[in-house]
Amino acid sequence: MSARNRATDGNETIMKWLEICVYTTDAGLDAVTFAFSNAGLDQVSIEESHERAMAFLNERAVYWDFADAEKVGVDEPCVKAYVADVPESEPVVAEVKRAIAQLRETDLGFDAGSLSVVVNRMDDADWENNWKAYYKPLTIGKRLFVLPCWMKDAAPEGRVTLKLDPGVAFGTGEHHTTRMCLELLETVVKPGDDILDLGCGSGILSVAAVLLGAKHAVAVDIDPVAEHVALENAAMNGVDAGKYDVRIGDLLEDETLRGGIRRGYDVVVANIVAGVIISISPFAKTCCKPGAPYIVSGIIDEREDEVKAALVKTGFTVEQVLRSEGWVAMLLRA
């Protein structure tokens, strides 16, 4: 999202976005995510509840590709990415459409669903209001209470409140992968720990770790938007600036970024996608202290064995596996 389109409404500046949505199945998530990545869109989110999406679509759809509105599988997961609503984004949208069209013509060996492509035009206010329409407080695990920043609910006794404004970065606690990571995280974080969060999105995991007692967290993401959102969420939760750093770049391509991340973290977490988890596993291993917990998720159940085998080959030991609605999270030891 390097180019950004801003319109002025009175004294207020509003950013304009295109939301690219591809509807698929759990089995098709990795293939669709890879198609986005090939178009240069490495930061995606996955939405599994589509009542809100369909209502929003009926109001704001720019165009439909490959399917009419009534043909979209409303029970299908939706992979989303965002680009600025500027002429420079047109080739990116076209490349996503081309890649998905190619998927539709390919024998994938599994049911990838409708592979319907929808593009919505929206601005920052639309994003914020859509989140507020359905995002509710969550009790997660035994210790955490995730609270939207615009709500005032008191945390149940014995729980730590994590205030969150998702902004335009992935990570709210609603998704199974994030929830399972939080459940595992609260079992391993100890006072004084140093945390490394690979693919931080909104910062929910690393901010939660600090609230649970960690001394310091380094959060890494490929999307520049994540820096602002994660730092704001850290500040909103009273996390001292000296305890929380955000670094932006591509871990797979940026040697300077990798070199600037020190070794010997007490806890490392990566809630990304299966392919990236496999690719960064040697780097993640070097970042862990011997015996340190490594939490991974973003893995569909069809790829559980593949990811597990790759991590074990890298030198990790599997300690615990959580599963929820077709998604997998793992707690490993370095």
C-alpha atoms as a PDB file:
ATOM      1  CA  MET A   1       0.000   0.000   0.000  1.00  0.00           C
ATOM      2  CA  SER A   2       2.663   2.450  -1.001  1.00  0.00           C
ATOM      3  CA  ALA A   3       0.403   4.849  -2.883  1.00  0.00           C
ATOM      4  CA  ARG A   4      -2.435   6.483  -0.998  1.00  0.00           C
ATOM      5  CA  ASN A   5      -5.395   8.480  -2.203  1.00  0.00           C
ATOM      6  CA  ARG A   6      -6.749  11.138   0.119  1.00  0.00           C
ATOM      7  CA  ALA A   7      -9.882  13.204  -0.370  1.00  0.00           C
ATOM      8  CA  THR A   8     -10.719  16.231   1.709  1.00  0.00           C
ATOM      9  CA  ASP A   9     -14.098  16.577   3.394  1.00  0.00           C
ATOM     10  CA  GLY A  10     -14.108  20.017   5.003  1.00  0.00           C
ATOM     11  CA  ASN A  11     -11.133  19.983   7.369  1.00  0.00           C
ATOM     12  CA  GLU A  12     -10.971  16.179   7.481  1.00  0.00           C
ATOM     13  CA  THR A  13      -8.697  14.148   5.235  1.00  0.00           C
ATOM     14  CA  ILE A  14     -10.135  10.771   4.230  1.00  0.00           C
ATOM     15  CA  MET A  15      -8.074   7.951   2.757  1.00  0.00           C
ATOM     16  CA  LYS A  16      -9.730   6.041  -0.104  1.00  0.00           C
ATOM     17  CA  TRP A  17      -9.191   2.304  -0.480  1.00  0.00           C
ATOM     18  CA  LEU A  18     -10.077  -0.639  -2.686  1.00  0.00           C
ATOM     19  CA  GLU A  19     -10.930  -3.789  -0.760  1.00  0.00           C
ATOM     20  CA  ILE A  20     -10.211  -6.893  -2.881  1.00  0.00           C
ATOM     21  CA  CYS A  21     -12.126  -9.976  -1.697  1.00  0.00           C
ATOM     22  CA  VAL A  22     -11.803 -13.526  -3.022  1.00  0.00           C
ATOM     23  CA  TYR A  23     -14.261 -16.164  -1.806  1.00  0.00           C
ATOM     24  CA  THR A  24     -12.895 -19.692  -1.535  1.00  0.00           C
ATOM     25  CA  THR A  25     -12.889 -22.713   0.791  1.00  0.00           C
ATOM     26  CA  ASP A  26     -10.637 -23.641   3.707  1.00  0.00           C
ATOM     27  CA  ALA A  27      -8.716 -25.863   1.295  1.00  0.00           C
ATOM     28  CA  GLY A  28      -8.263 -22.976  -1.144  1.00  0.00           C
ATOM     29  CA  LEU A  29      -6.977 -20.393   1.330  1.00  0.00           C
ATOM     30  CA  ASP A  30      -3.282 -20.998   0.702  1.00  0.00           C
ATOM     31  CA  ALA A  31      -3.702 -20.947  -3.086  1.00  0.00           C
ATOM     32  CA  VAL A  32      -5.636 -17.679  -2.958  1.00  0.00           C
ATOM     33  CA  THR A  33      -3.176 -16.142  -0.491  1.00  0.00           C
ATOM     34  CA  PHE A  34      -0.338 -17.121  -2.837  1.00  0.00           C
ATOM     35  CA  ALA A  35      -2.177 -15.434  -5.727  1.00  0.00           C
ATOM     36  CA  PHE A  36      -2.396 -12.221  -3.697  1.00  0.00           C
ATOM     37  CA  SER A  37       1.296 -12.505  -2.820  1.00  0.00           C
ATOM     38  CA  ASN A  38       2.268 -12.879  -6.476  1.00  0.00           C
ATOM     39  CA  ALA A  39       0.428  -9.626  -7.139  1.00  0.00           C
ATOM     40  CA  GLY A  40       2.533  -7.935  -4.456  1.00  0.00           C
ATOM     41  CA  LEU A  41      -0.116  -8.103  -1.729  1.00  0.00           C
ATOM     42  CA  ASP A  42       1.521  -9.976   1.136  1.00  0.00           C
ATOM     43  CA  GLN A  43      -0.696  -8.544   3.875  1.00  0.00           C
ATOM     44  CA  VAL A  44      -4.070 -10.287   3.731  1.00  0.00           C
ATOM     45  CA  SER A  45      -6.830 -11.030   6.203  1.00  0.00           C
ATOM     46  CA  ILE A  46      -9.307 -13.884   6.277  1.00  0.00           C
ATOM     47  CA  GLU A  47     -12.940 -13.339   7.161  1.00  0.00           C
ATOM     48  CA  GLU A  48     -15.125 -16.312   7.977  1.00  0.00           C
ATOM     49  CA  SER A  49     -18.403 -14.558   8.810  1.00  0.00           C
ATOM     50  CA  HIS A  50     -20.036 -13.027   5.743  1.00  0.00           C
ATOM     51  CA  GLU A  51     -23.334 -11.512   6.845  1.00  0.00           C
ATOM     52  CA  ARG A  52     -21.613  -8.180   7.401  1.00  0.00           C
ATOM     53  CA  ALA A  53     -19.577  -8.570   4.227  1.00  0.00           C
ATOM     54  CA  MET A  54     -22.667  -9.197   2.103  1.00  0.00           C
ATOM     55  CA  ALA A  55     -24.504  -6.223   3.596  1.00  0.00           C
ATOM     56  CA  PHE A  56     -21.491  -4.023   2.943  1.00  0.00           C
ATOM     57  CA  LEU A  57     -21.152  -5.422  -0.586  1.00  0.00           C
ATOM     58  CA  ASN A  58     -24.753  -4.674  -1.497  1.00  0.00           C
ATOM     59  CA  GLU A  59     -24.171  -1.050  -0.525  1.00  0.00           C
ATOM     60  CA  ARG A  60     -20.723  -0.418  -1.976  1.00  0.00           C
ATOM     61  CA  ALA A  61     -19.594  -2.999  -4.539  1.00  0.00           C
ATOM     62  CA  VAL A  62     -17.652  -1.464  -7.416  1.00  0.00           C
ATOM     63  CA  TYR A  63     -17.939  -4.532  -9.616  1.00  0.00           C
ATOM     64  CA  TRP A  64     -18.263  -8.309  -9.493  1.00  0.00           C
ATOM     65  CA  ASP A  65     -16.055 -10.749 -11.359  1.00  0.00           C
ATOM     66  CA  PHE A  66     -16.921 -14.334 -12.282  1.00  0.00           C
ATOM     67  CA  ALA A  67     -20.175 -14.515 -10.304  1.00  0.00           C
ATOM     68  CA  ASP A  68     -23.378 -12.650  -9.620  1.00  0.00           C
ATOM     69  CA  ALA A  69     -24.119 -11.533  -6.075  1.00  0.00           C
ATOM     70  CA  GLU A  70     -26.543 -14.357  -5.381  1.00  0.00           C
ATOM     71  CA  LYS A  71     -23.962 -16.945  -6.498  1.00  0.00           C
ATOM     72  CA  VAL A  72     -21.272 -15.993  -4.020  1.00  0.00           C
ATOM     73  CA  GLY A  73     -20.821 -18.681  -1.376  1.00  0.00           C
ATOM     74  CA  VAL A  74     -21.767 -16.757   1.733  1.00  0.00           C
ATOM     75  CA  ASP A  75     -20.550 -19.684   3.825  1.00  0.00           C
ATOM     76  CA  GLU A  76     -17.112 -19.525   2.192  1.00  0.00           C
ATOM     77  CA  PRO A  77     -14.097 -17.866   3.790  1.00  0.00           C
ATOM     78  CA  CYS A  78     -13.061 -14.602   2.172  1.00  0.00           C
ATOM     79  CA  VAL A  79      -9.433 -13.592   1.654  1.00  0.00           C
ATOM     80  CA  LYS A  80      -9.020  -9.804   1.600  1.00  0.00           C
ATOM     81  CA  ALA A  81      -6.348  -7.289   0.779  1.00  0.00           C
ATOM     82  CA  TYR A  82      -6.394  -3.502   0.541  1.00  0.00           C
ATOM     83  CA  VAL A  83      -4.821  -1.125  -1.965  1.00  0.00           C
ATOM     84  CA  ALA A  84      -5.073   2.620  -2.341  1.00  0.00           C
ATOM     85  CA  ASP A  85      -7.840   3.753  -4.701  1.00  0.00           C
ATOM     86  CA  VAL A  86      -5.463   5.303  -7.238  1.00  0.00           C
ATOM     87  CA  PRO A  87      -4.664   4.578 -10.913  1.00  0.00           C
ATOM     88  CA  GLU A  88      -1.379   2.924  -9.898  1.00  0.00           C
ATOM     89  CA  SER A  89      -3.370   0.160  -8.192  1.00  0.00           C
ATOM     90  CA  GLU A  90      -5.195  -0.904 -11.359  1.00  0.00           C
ATOM     91  CA  PRO A  91      -2.435  -3.326 -12.490  1.00  0.00           C
ATOM     92  CA  VAL A  92      -2.434  -4.916  -9.028  1.00  0.00           C
ATOM     93  CA  VAL A  93      -6.189  -5.515  -9.138  1.00  0.00           C
ATOM     94  CA  ALA A  94      -5.879  -6.845 -12.689  1.00  0.00           C
ATOM     95  CA  GLU A  95      -3.126  -9.258 -11.639  1.00  0.00           C
ATOM     96  CA  VAL A  96      -5.255 -10.628  -8.788  1.00  0.00           C
ATOM     97  CA  LYS A  97      -8.143 -11.147 -11.224  1.00  0.00           C
ATOM     98  CA  ARG A  98      -5.826 -12.872 -13.701  1.00  0.00           C
ATOM     99  CA  ALA A  99      -4.334 -15.157 -11.054  1.00  0.00           C
ATOM    100  CA  ILE A 100      -7.739 -16.148  -9.681  1.00  0.00           C
ATOM    101  CA  ALA A 101      -9.033 -16.788 -13.205  1.00  0.00           C
ATOM    102  CA  GLN A 102      -6.080 -19.107 -13.720  1.00  0.00           C
ATOM    103  CA  LEU A 103      -6.903 -20.928 -10.481  1.00  0.00           C
ATOM    104  CA  ARG A 104     -10.440 -21.477 -11.730  1.00  0.00           C
ATOM    105  CA  GLU A 105      -9.068 -23.182 -14.839  1.00  0.00           C
ATOM    106  CA  THR A 106      -6.542 -25.317 -12.942  1.00  0.00           C
ATOM    107  CA  ASP A 107      -7.161 -28.793 -11.561  1.00  0.00           C
ATOM    108  CA  LEU A 108      -6.095 -28.104  -7.992  1.00  0.00           C
ATOM    109  CA  GLY A 109      -7.017 -31.530  -6.699  1.00  0.00           C
ATOM    110  CA  PHE A 110      -9.442 -30.047  -4.183  1.00  0.00           C
ATOM    111  CA  ASP A 111     -12.565 -27.899  -4.069  1.00  0.00           C
ATOM    112  CA  ALA A 112     -11.532 -24.239  -4.010  1.00  0.00           C
ATOM    113  CA  GLY A 113     -15.113 -22.968  -3.936  1.00  0.00           C
ATOM    114  CA  SER A 114     -16.572 -20.203  -6.064  1.00  0.00           C
ATOM    115  CA  LEU A 115     -13.332 -18.168  -6.347  1.00  0.00           C
ATOM    116  CA  SER A 116     -15.542 -15.114  -6.774  1.00  0.00           C
ATOM    117  CA  VAL A 117     -13.653 -11.828  -6.863  1.00  0.00           C
ATOM    118  CA  VAL A 118     -15.285  -8.706  -5.443  1.00  0.00           C
ATOM    119  CA  VAL A 119     -13.795  -5.223  -5.235  1.00  0.00           C
ATOM    120  CA  ASN A 120     -15.316  -2.676  -2.859  1.00  0.00           C
ATOM    121  CA  ARG A 121     -14.534   1.018  -2.729  1.00  0.00           C
ATOM    122  CA  MET A 122     -14.284   2.349   0.813  1.00  0.00           C
ATOM    123  CA  ASP A 123     -12.614   4.966   2.960  1.00  0.00           C
ATOM    124  CA  ASP A 124     -11.146   4.938   6.450  1.00  0.00           C
ATOM    125  CA  ALA A 125     -14.486   5.874   7.984  1.00  0.00           C
ATOM    126  CA  ASP A 126     -16.168   2.890   6.296  1.00  0.00           C
ATOM    127  CA  TRP A 127     -13.501   0.574   7.702  1.00  0.00           C
ATOM    128  CA  GLU A 128     -13.840   1.929  11.214  1.00  0.00           C
ATOM    129  CA  ASN A 129     -17.637   1.792  11.235  1.00  0.00           C
ATOM    130  CA  ASN A 130     -17.732  -1.726   9.787  1.00  0.00           C
ATOM    131  CA  TRP A 131     -15.458  -3.001  12.540  1.00  0.00           C
ATOM    132  CA  LYS A 132     -17.538  -1.319  15.208  1.00  0.00           C
ATOM    133  CA  ALA A 133     -20.700  -2.925  13.866  1.00  0.00           C
ATOM    134  CA  TYR A 134     -19.672  -6.428  14.841  1.00  0.00           C
ATOM    135  CA  TYR A 135     -16.562  -6.388  17.023  1.00  0.00           C
ATOM    136  CA  LYS A 136     -17.435  -7.308  20.628  1.00  0.00           C
ATOM    137  CA  PRO A 137     -15.471  -7.866  23.861  1.00  0.00           C
ATOM    138  CA  LEU A 138     -13.837 -11.285  24.053  1.00  0.00           C
ATOM    139  CA  THR A 139     -12.690 -13.425  26.946  1.00  0.00           C
ATOM    140  CA  ILE A 140      -9.771 -15.520  25.726  1.00  0.00           C
ATOM    141  CA  GLY A 141      -8.020 -18.276  27.611  1.00  0.00           C
ATOM    142  CA  LYS A 142      -7.892 -17.900  31.381  1.00  0.00           C
ATOM    143  CA  ARG A 143      -6.386 -14.434  31.687  1.00  0.00           C
ATOM    144  CA  LEU A 144      -7.244 -12.123  28.790  1.00  0.00           C
ATOM    145  CA  PHE A 145     -10.161  -9.796  28.070  1.00  0.00           C
ATOM    146  CA  VAL A 146      -9.935  -8.187  24.614  1.00  0.00           C
ATOM    147  CA  LEU A 147     -11.902  -4.941  24.539  1.00  0.00           C
ATOM    148  CA  PRO A 148     -12.606  -2.674  21.540  1.00  0.00           C
ATOM    149  CA  CYS A 149     -11.192   0.737  22.362  1.00  0.00           C
ATOM    150  CA  TRP A 150     -14.565   2.456  21.916  1.00  0.00           C
ATOM    151  CA  MET A 151     -16.197   0.299  24.622  1.00  0.00           C
ATOM    152  CA  LYS A 152     -16.043   0.752  28.394  1.00  0.00           C
ATOM    153  CA  ASP A 153     -16.856  -2.750  29.665  1.00  0.00           C
ATOM    154  CA  ALA A 154     -15.050  -3.760  32.843  1.00  0.00           C
ATOM    155  CA  ALA A 155     -12.896  -6.871  32.667  1.00  0.00           C
ATOM    156  CA  PRO A 156     -14.151  -9.937  34.525  1.00  0.00           C
ATOM    157  CA  GLU A 157     -12.322 -10.488  37.792  1.00  0.00           C
ATOM    158  CA  GLY A 158      -8.856 -11.907  37.365  1.00  0.00           C
ATOM    159  CA  ARG A 159      -8.500 -10.963  33.698  1.00  0.00           C
ATOM    160  CA  VAL A 160      -6.122  -8.522  32.031  1.00  0.00           C
ATOM    161  CA  THR A 161      -7.788  -6.009  29.699  1.00  0.00           C
ATOM    162  CA  LEU A 162      -6.260  -5.678  26.240  1.00  0.00           C
ATOM    163  CA  LYS A 163      -7.719  -2.618  24.496  1.00  0.00           C
ATOM    164  CA  LEU A 164      -7.619  -2.824  20.736  1.00  0.00           C
ATOM    165  CA  ASP A 165      -8.321  -0.705  17.691  1.00  0.00           C
ATOM    166  CA  PRO A 166      -7.704  -2.957  14.674  1.00  0.00           C
ATOM    167  CA  GLY A 167      -7.336  -0.038  12.273  1.00  0.00           C
ATOM    168  CA  VAL A 168      -6.429  -1.438   8.844  1.00  0.00           C
ATOM    169  CA  ALA A 169      -4.109  -4.155  10.132  1.00  0.00           C
ATOM    170  CA  PHE A 170      -4.928  -7.808  10.663  1.00  0.00           C
ATOM    171  CA  GLY A 171      -5.456  -9.121  14.191  1.00  0.00           C
ATOM    172  CA  THR A 172      -8.521  -8.653  16.377  1.00  0.00           C
ATOM    173  CA  GLY A 173      -8.843 -11.787  18.477  1.00  0.00           C
ATOM    174  CA  GLU A 174     -11.982 -12.768  16.566  1.00  0.00           C
ATOM    175  CA  HIS A 175     -10.186 -15.141  14.226  1.00  0.00           C
ATOM    176  CA  HIS A 176      -9.436 -18.686  15.393  1.00  0.00           C
ATOM    177  CA  THR A 177      -5.718 -18.313  14.683  1.00  0.00           C
ATOM    178  CA  THR A 178      -5.325 -15.183  16.805  1.00  0.00           C
ATOM    179  CA  ARG A 179      -7.399 -16.612  19.644  1.00  0.00           C
ATOM    180  CA  MET A 180      -5.407 -19.844  19.751  1.00  0.00           C
ATOM    181  CA  CYS A 181      -2.118 -17.913  19.716  1.00  0.00           C
ATOM    182  CA  LEU A 182      -3.314 -15.855  22.672  1.00  0.00           C
ATOM    183  CA  GLU A 183      -4.386 -18.988  24.530  1.00  0.00           C
ATOM    184  CA  LEU A 184      -0.939 -20.510  24.052  1.00  0.00           C
ATOM    185  CA  LEU A 185       0.873 -17.240  24.716  1.00  0.00           C
ATOM    186  CA  GLU A 186      -0.654 -16.771  28.155  1.00  0.00           C
ATOM    187  CA  THR A 187       0.640 -20.195  29.205  1.00  0.00           C
ATOM    188  CA  VAL A 188       4.289 -19.464  28.378  1.00  0.00           C
ATOM    189  CA  VAL A 189       4.953 -15.748  28.958  1.00  0.00           C
ATOM    190  CA  LYS A 190       6.843 -15.056  32.177  1.00  0.00           C
ATOM    191  CA  PRO A 191       7.729 -11.759  33.875  1.00  0.00           C
ATOM    192  CA  GLY A 192      10.837 -10.288  32.294  1.00  0.00           C
ATOM    193  CA  ASP A 193      10.571 -12.169  28.994  1.00  0.00           C
ATOM    194  CA  ASP A 194      11.690 -10.700  25.671  1.00  0.00           C
ATOM    195  CA  ILE A 195       9.153 -11.352  22.886  1.00  0.00           C
ATOM    196  CA  LEU A 196       9.501 -11.486  19.100  1.00  0.00           C
ATOM    197  CA  ASP A 197       6.250 -11.214  17.097  1.00  0.00           C
ATOM    198  CA  LEU A 198       6.684 -12.131  13.418  1.00  0.00           C
ATOM    199  CA  GLY A 199       3.785 -10.821  11.321  1.00  0.00           C
ATOM    200  CA  CYS A 200       2.409  -8.608  14.073  1.00  0.00           C
ATOM    201  CA  GLY A 201      -0.525  -6.974  12.240  1.00  0.00           C
ATOM    202  CA  SER A 202      -2.407  -4.957  14.858  1.00  0.00           C
ATOM    203  CA  GLY A 203       0.140  -5.941  17.502  1.00  0.00           C
ATOM    204  CA  ILE A 204      -2.420  -7.910  19.473  1.00  0.00           C
ATOM    205  CA  LEU A 205      -0.076 -10.792  20.339  1.00  0.00           C
ATOM    206  CA  SER A 206       2.999  -8.813  21.340  1.00  0.00           C
ATOM    207  CA  VAL A 207       1.002  -6.169  23.229  1.00  0.00           C
ATOM    208  CA  ALA A 208      -0.805  -8.967  25.076  1.00  0.00           C
ATOM    209  CA  ALA A 209       2.556 -10.508  25.959  1.00  0.00           C
ATOM    210  CA  VAL A 210       3.751  -7.260  27.556  1.00  0.00           C
ATOM    211  CA  LEU A 211       0.491  -6.931  29.493  1.00  0.00           C
ATOM    212  CA  LEU A 212       1.029 -10.496  30.710  1.00  0.00           C
ATOM    213  CA  GLY A 213       4.407  -9.516  32.136  1.00  0.00           C
ATOM    214  CA  ALA A 214       6.950  -9.537  29.314  1.00  0.00           C
ATOM    215  CA  LYS A 215       9.739  -6.983  29.661  1.00  0.00           C
ATOM    216  CA  HIS A 216      10.022  -6.022  25.986  1.00  0.00           C
ATOM    217  CA  ALA A 217       8.583  -6.925  22.579  1.00  0.00           C
ATOM    218  CA  VAL A 218       9.812  -6.523  19.016  1.00  0.00           C
ATOM    219  CA  ALA A 219       6.995  -6.691  16.453  1.00  0.00           C
ATOM    220  CA  VAL A 220       7.720  -7.238  12.749  1.00  0.00           C
ATOM    221  CA  ASP A 221       5.395  -6.888   9.759  1.00  0.00           C
ATOM    222  CA  ILE A 222       5.644  -6.483   6.010  1.00  0.00           C
ATOM    223  CA  ASP A 223       2.844  -3.873   5.894  1.00  0.00           C
ATOM    224  CA  PRO A 224       3.797  -0.251   6.757  1.00  0.00           C
ATOM    225  CA  VAL A 225       0.261   0.298   8.096  1.00  0.00           C
ATOM    226  CA  ALA A 226       1.012  -2.174  10.889  1.00  0.00           C
ATOM    227  CA  GLU A 227       3.671   0.083  12.397  1.00  0.00           C
ATOM    228  CA  HIS A 228       1.234   2.880  13.168  1.00  0.00           C
ATOM    229  CA  VAL A 229      -1.569   0.563  14.311  1.00  0.00           C
ATOM    230  CA  ALA A 230       0.601  -1.627  16.541  1.00  0.00           C
ATOM    231  CA  LEU A 231       2.319   1.352  18.183  1.00  0.00           C
ATOM    232  CA  GLU A 232      -1.045   3.004  18.819  1.00  0.00           C
ATOM    233  CA  ASN A 233      -2.423  -0.170  20.370  1.00  0.00           C
ATOM    234  CA  ALA A 234       0.653  -0.479  22.571  1.00  0.00           C
ATOM    235  CA  ALA A 235       0.306   3.122  23.751  1.00  0.00           C
ATOM    236  CA  MET A 236      -3.439   2.697  24.296  1.00  0.00           C
ATOM    237  CA  ASN A 237      -2.668  -0.134  26.698  1.00  0.00           C
ATOM    238  CA  GLY A 238      -0.141   1.873  28.653  1.00  0.00           C
ATOM    239  CA  VAL A 239       2.870   0.036  27.238  1.00  0.00           C
ATOM    240  CA  ASP A 240       5.913   2.249  27.645  1.00  0.00           C
ATOM    241  CA  ALA A 241       7.548   3.195  24.343  1.00  0.00           C
ATOM    242  CA  GLY A 242      10.804   1.698  25.569  1.00  0.00           C
ATOM    243  CA  LYS A 243       9.158  -1.702  25.890  1.00  0.00           C
ATOM    244  CA  TYR A 244       7.754  -1.984  22.369  1.00  0.00           C
ATOM    245  CA  ASP A 245       9.454  -1.710  18.979  1.00  0.00           C
ATOM    246  CA  VAL A 246       7.942  -2.207  15.513  1.00  0.00           C
ATOM    247  CA  ARG A 247      10.032  -3.006  12.448  1.00  0.00           C
ATOM    248  CA  ILE A 248       8.741  -3.087   8.885  1.00  0.00           C
ATOM    249  CA  GLY A 249      10.020  -5.208   6.023  1.00  0.00           C
ATOM    250  CA  ASP A 250       9.994  -8.575   4.293  1.00  0.00           C
ATOM    251  CA  LEU A 251      11.749 -11.191   6.411  1.00  0.00           C
ATOM    252  CA  LEU A 252      12.204 -13.428   3.384  1.00  0.00           C
ATOM    253  CA  GLU A 253      13.923 -10.772   1.262  1.00  0.00           C
ATOM    254  CA  ASP A 254      15.373  -8.123   3.573  1.00  0.00           C
ATOM    255  CA  GLU A 255      18.760  -9.217   4.939  1.00  0.00           C
ATOM    256  CA  THR A 256      19.184  -5.911   6.767  1.00  0.00           C
ATOM    257  CA  LEU A 257      15.910  -6.465   8.605  1.00  0.00           C
ATOM    258  CA  ARG A 258      16.882 -10.000   9.591  1.00  0.00           C
ATOM    259  CA  GLY A 259      20.329  -8.867  10.661  1.00  0.00           C
ATOM    260  CA  GLY A 260      18.867  -6.165  12.873  1.00  0.00           C
ATOM    261  CA  ILE A 261      16.797  -8.621  14.898  1.00  0.00           C
ATOM    262  CA  ARG A 262      18.931  -9.942  17.710  1.00  0.00           C
ATOM    263  CA  ARG A 263      19.050 -13.578  18.750  1.00  0.00           C
ATOM    264  CA  GLY A 264      17.996 -15.180  22.019  1.00  0.00           C
ATOM    265  CA  TYR A 265      14.321 -14.295  22.541  1.00  0.00           C
ATOM    266  CA  ASP A 266      12.407 -15.941  25.376  1.00  0.00           C
ATOM    267  CA  VAL A 267       9.240 -16.353  23.278  1.00  0.00           C
ATOM    268  CA  VAL A 268       8.725 -16.119  19.507  1.00  0.00           C
ATOM    269  CA  VAL A 269       5.290 -16.088  17.865  1.00  0.00           C
ATOM    270  CA  ALA A 270       4.315 -16.131  14.174  1.00  0.00           C
ATOM    271  CA  ASN A 271       0.657 -15.950  13.143  1.00  0.00           C
ATOM    272  CA  ILE A 272       1.091 -15.795   9.364  1.00  0.00           C
ATOM    273  CA  VAL A 273       0.356 -18.509   6.762  1.00  0.00           C
ATOM    274  CA  ALA A 274       1.736 -22.015   6.360  1.00  0.00           C
ATOM    275  CA  GLY A 275       4.095 -21.258   3.486  1.00  0.00           C
ATOM    276  CA  VAL A 276       5.739 -18.312   5.228  1.00  0.00           C
ATOM    277  CA  ILE A 277       6.036 -20.216   8.516  1.00  0.00           C
ATOM    278  CA  ILE A 278       7.923 -22.937   6.668  1.00  0.00           C
ATOM    279  CA  SER A 279      10.147 -20.432   4.840  1.00  0.00           C
ATOM    280  CA  ILE A 280      11.142 -18.461   7.946  1.00  0.00           C
ATOM    281  CA  SER A 281      11.571 -21.475  10.231  1.00  0.00           C
ATOM    282  CA  PRO A 282      15.411 -21.488  10.103  1.00  0.00           C
ATOM    283  CA  PHE A 283      15.465 -17.774  10.940  1.00  0.00           C
ATOM    284  CA  ALA A 284      12.896 -18.224  13.722  1.00  0.00           C
ATOM    285  CA  LYS A 285      15.018 -21.004  15.210  1.00  0.00           C
ATOM    286  CA  THR A 286      18.043 -18.712  15.419  1.00  0.00           C
ATOM    287  CA  CYS A 287      15.913 -16.087  17.185  1.00  0.00           C
ATOM    288  CA  CYS A 288      14.872 -18.458  19.987  1.00  0.00           C
ATOM    289  CA  LYS A 289      16.846 -19.153  23.124  1.00  0.00           C
ATOM    290  CA  PRO A 290      17.528 -22.882  23.525  1.00  0.00           C
ATOM    291  CA  GLY A 291      14.281 -24.452  24.703  1.00  0.00           C
ATOM    292  CA  ALA A 292      12.281 -21.258  24.114  1.00  0.00           C
ATOM    293  CA  PRO A 293       8.617 -21.567  23.085  1.00  0.00           C
ATOM    294  CA  TYR A 294       7.766 -20.885  19.443  1.00  0.00           C
ATOM    295  CA  ILE A 295       4.050 -20.378  18.737  1.00  0.00           C
ATOM    296  CA  VAL A 296       2.794 -20.584  15.156  1.00  0.00           C
ATOM    297  CA  SER A 297      -0.636 -20.348  13.554  1.00  0.00           C
ATOM    298  CA  GLY A 298      -2.370 -19.264  10.359  1.00  0.00           C
ATOM    299  CA  ILE A 299      -2.218 -22.918   9.302  1.00  0.00           C
ATOM    300  CA  ILE A 300      -5.173 -24.676   7.680  1.00  0.00           C
ATOM    301  CA  ASP A 301      -5.606 -28.243   8.873  1.00  0.00           C
ATOM    302  CA  GLU A 302      -4.730 -29.710   5.456  1.00  0.00           C
ATOM    303  CA  ARG A 303      -1.187 -28.351   5.872  1.00  0.00           C
ATOM    304  CA  GLU A 304      -0.682 -29.247   9.532  1.00  0.00           C
ATOM    305  CA  ASP A 305       1.538 -32.264   8.851  1.00  0.00           C
ATOM    306  CA  GLU A 306       3.598 -30.378   6.261  1.00  0.00           C
ATOM    307  CA  VAL A 307       4.275 -27.467   8.611  1.00  0.00           C
ATOM    308  CA  LYS A 308       4.960 -29.755  11.546  1.00  0.00           C
ATOM    309  CA  ALA A 309       7.461 -31.789   9.521  1.00  0.00           C
ATOM    310  CA  ALA A 310       9.285 -28.658   8.341  1.00  0.00           C
ATOM    311  CA  LEU A 311       9.555 -27.258  11.861  1.00  0.00           C
ATOM    312  CA  VAL A 312      10.761 -30.548  13.308  1.00  0.00           C
ATOM    313  CA  LYS A 313      13.348 -30.782  10.524  1.00  0.00           C
ATOM    314  CA  THR A 314      14.529 -27.287  11.474  1.00  0.00           C
ATOM    315  CA  GLY A 315      15.105 -28.462  15.044  1.00  0.00           C
ATOM    316  CA  PHE A 316      11.881 -27.593  16.866  1.00  0.00           C
ATOM    317  CA  THR A 317      10.027 -30.059  19.104  1.00  0.00           C
ATOM    318  CA  VAL A 318       6.223 -30.064  19.011  1.00  0.00           C
ATOM    319  CA  GLU A 319       4.788 -29.628  22.503  1.00  0.00           C
ATOM    320  CA  GLN A 320       1.103 -28.814  21.958  1.00  0.00           C
ATOM    321  CA  VAL A 321      -1.346 -28.509  19.065  1.00  0.00           C
ATOM    322  CA  LEU A 322      -4.653 -26.614  19.144  1.00  0.00           C
ATOM    323  CA  ARG A 323      -7.324 -26.972  16.460  1.00  0.00           C
ATOM    324  CA  SER A 324     -10.414 -24.884  15.797  1.00  0.00           C
ATOM    325  CA  GLU A 325     -12.783 -24.816  12.808  1.00  0.00           C
ATOM    326  CA  GLY A 326     -10.209 -26.014  10.297  1.00  0.00           C
ATOM    327  CA  TRP A 327      -7.328 -23.970  11.722  1.00  0.00           C
ATOM    328  CA  VAL A 328      -4.259 -25.152  13.611  1.00  0.00           C
ATOM    329  CA  ALA A 329      -1.907 -23.526  16.115  1.00  0.00           C
ATOM    330  CA  MET A 330       1.222 -25.150  17.511  1.00  0.00           C
ATOM    331  CA  LEU A 331       3.424 -24.601  20.531  1.00  0.00           C
ATOM    332  CA  LEU A 332       6.953 -25.821  19.841  1.00  0.00           C
ATOM    333  CA  ARG A 333      10.270 -25.667  21.658  1.00  0.00           C
ATOM    334  CA  ALA A 334      13.534 -24.575  20.098  1.00  0.00           C
END
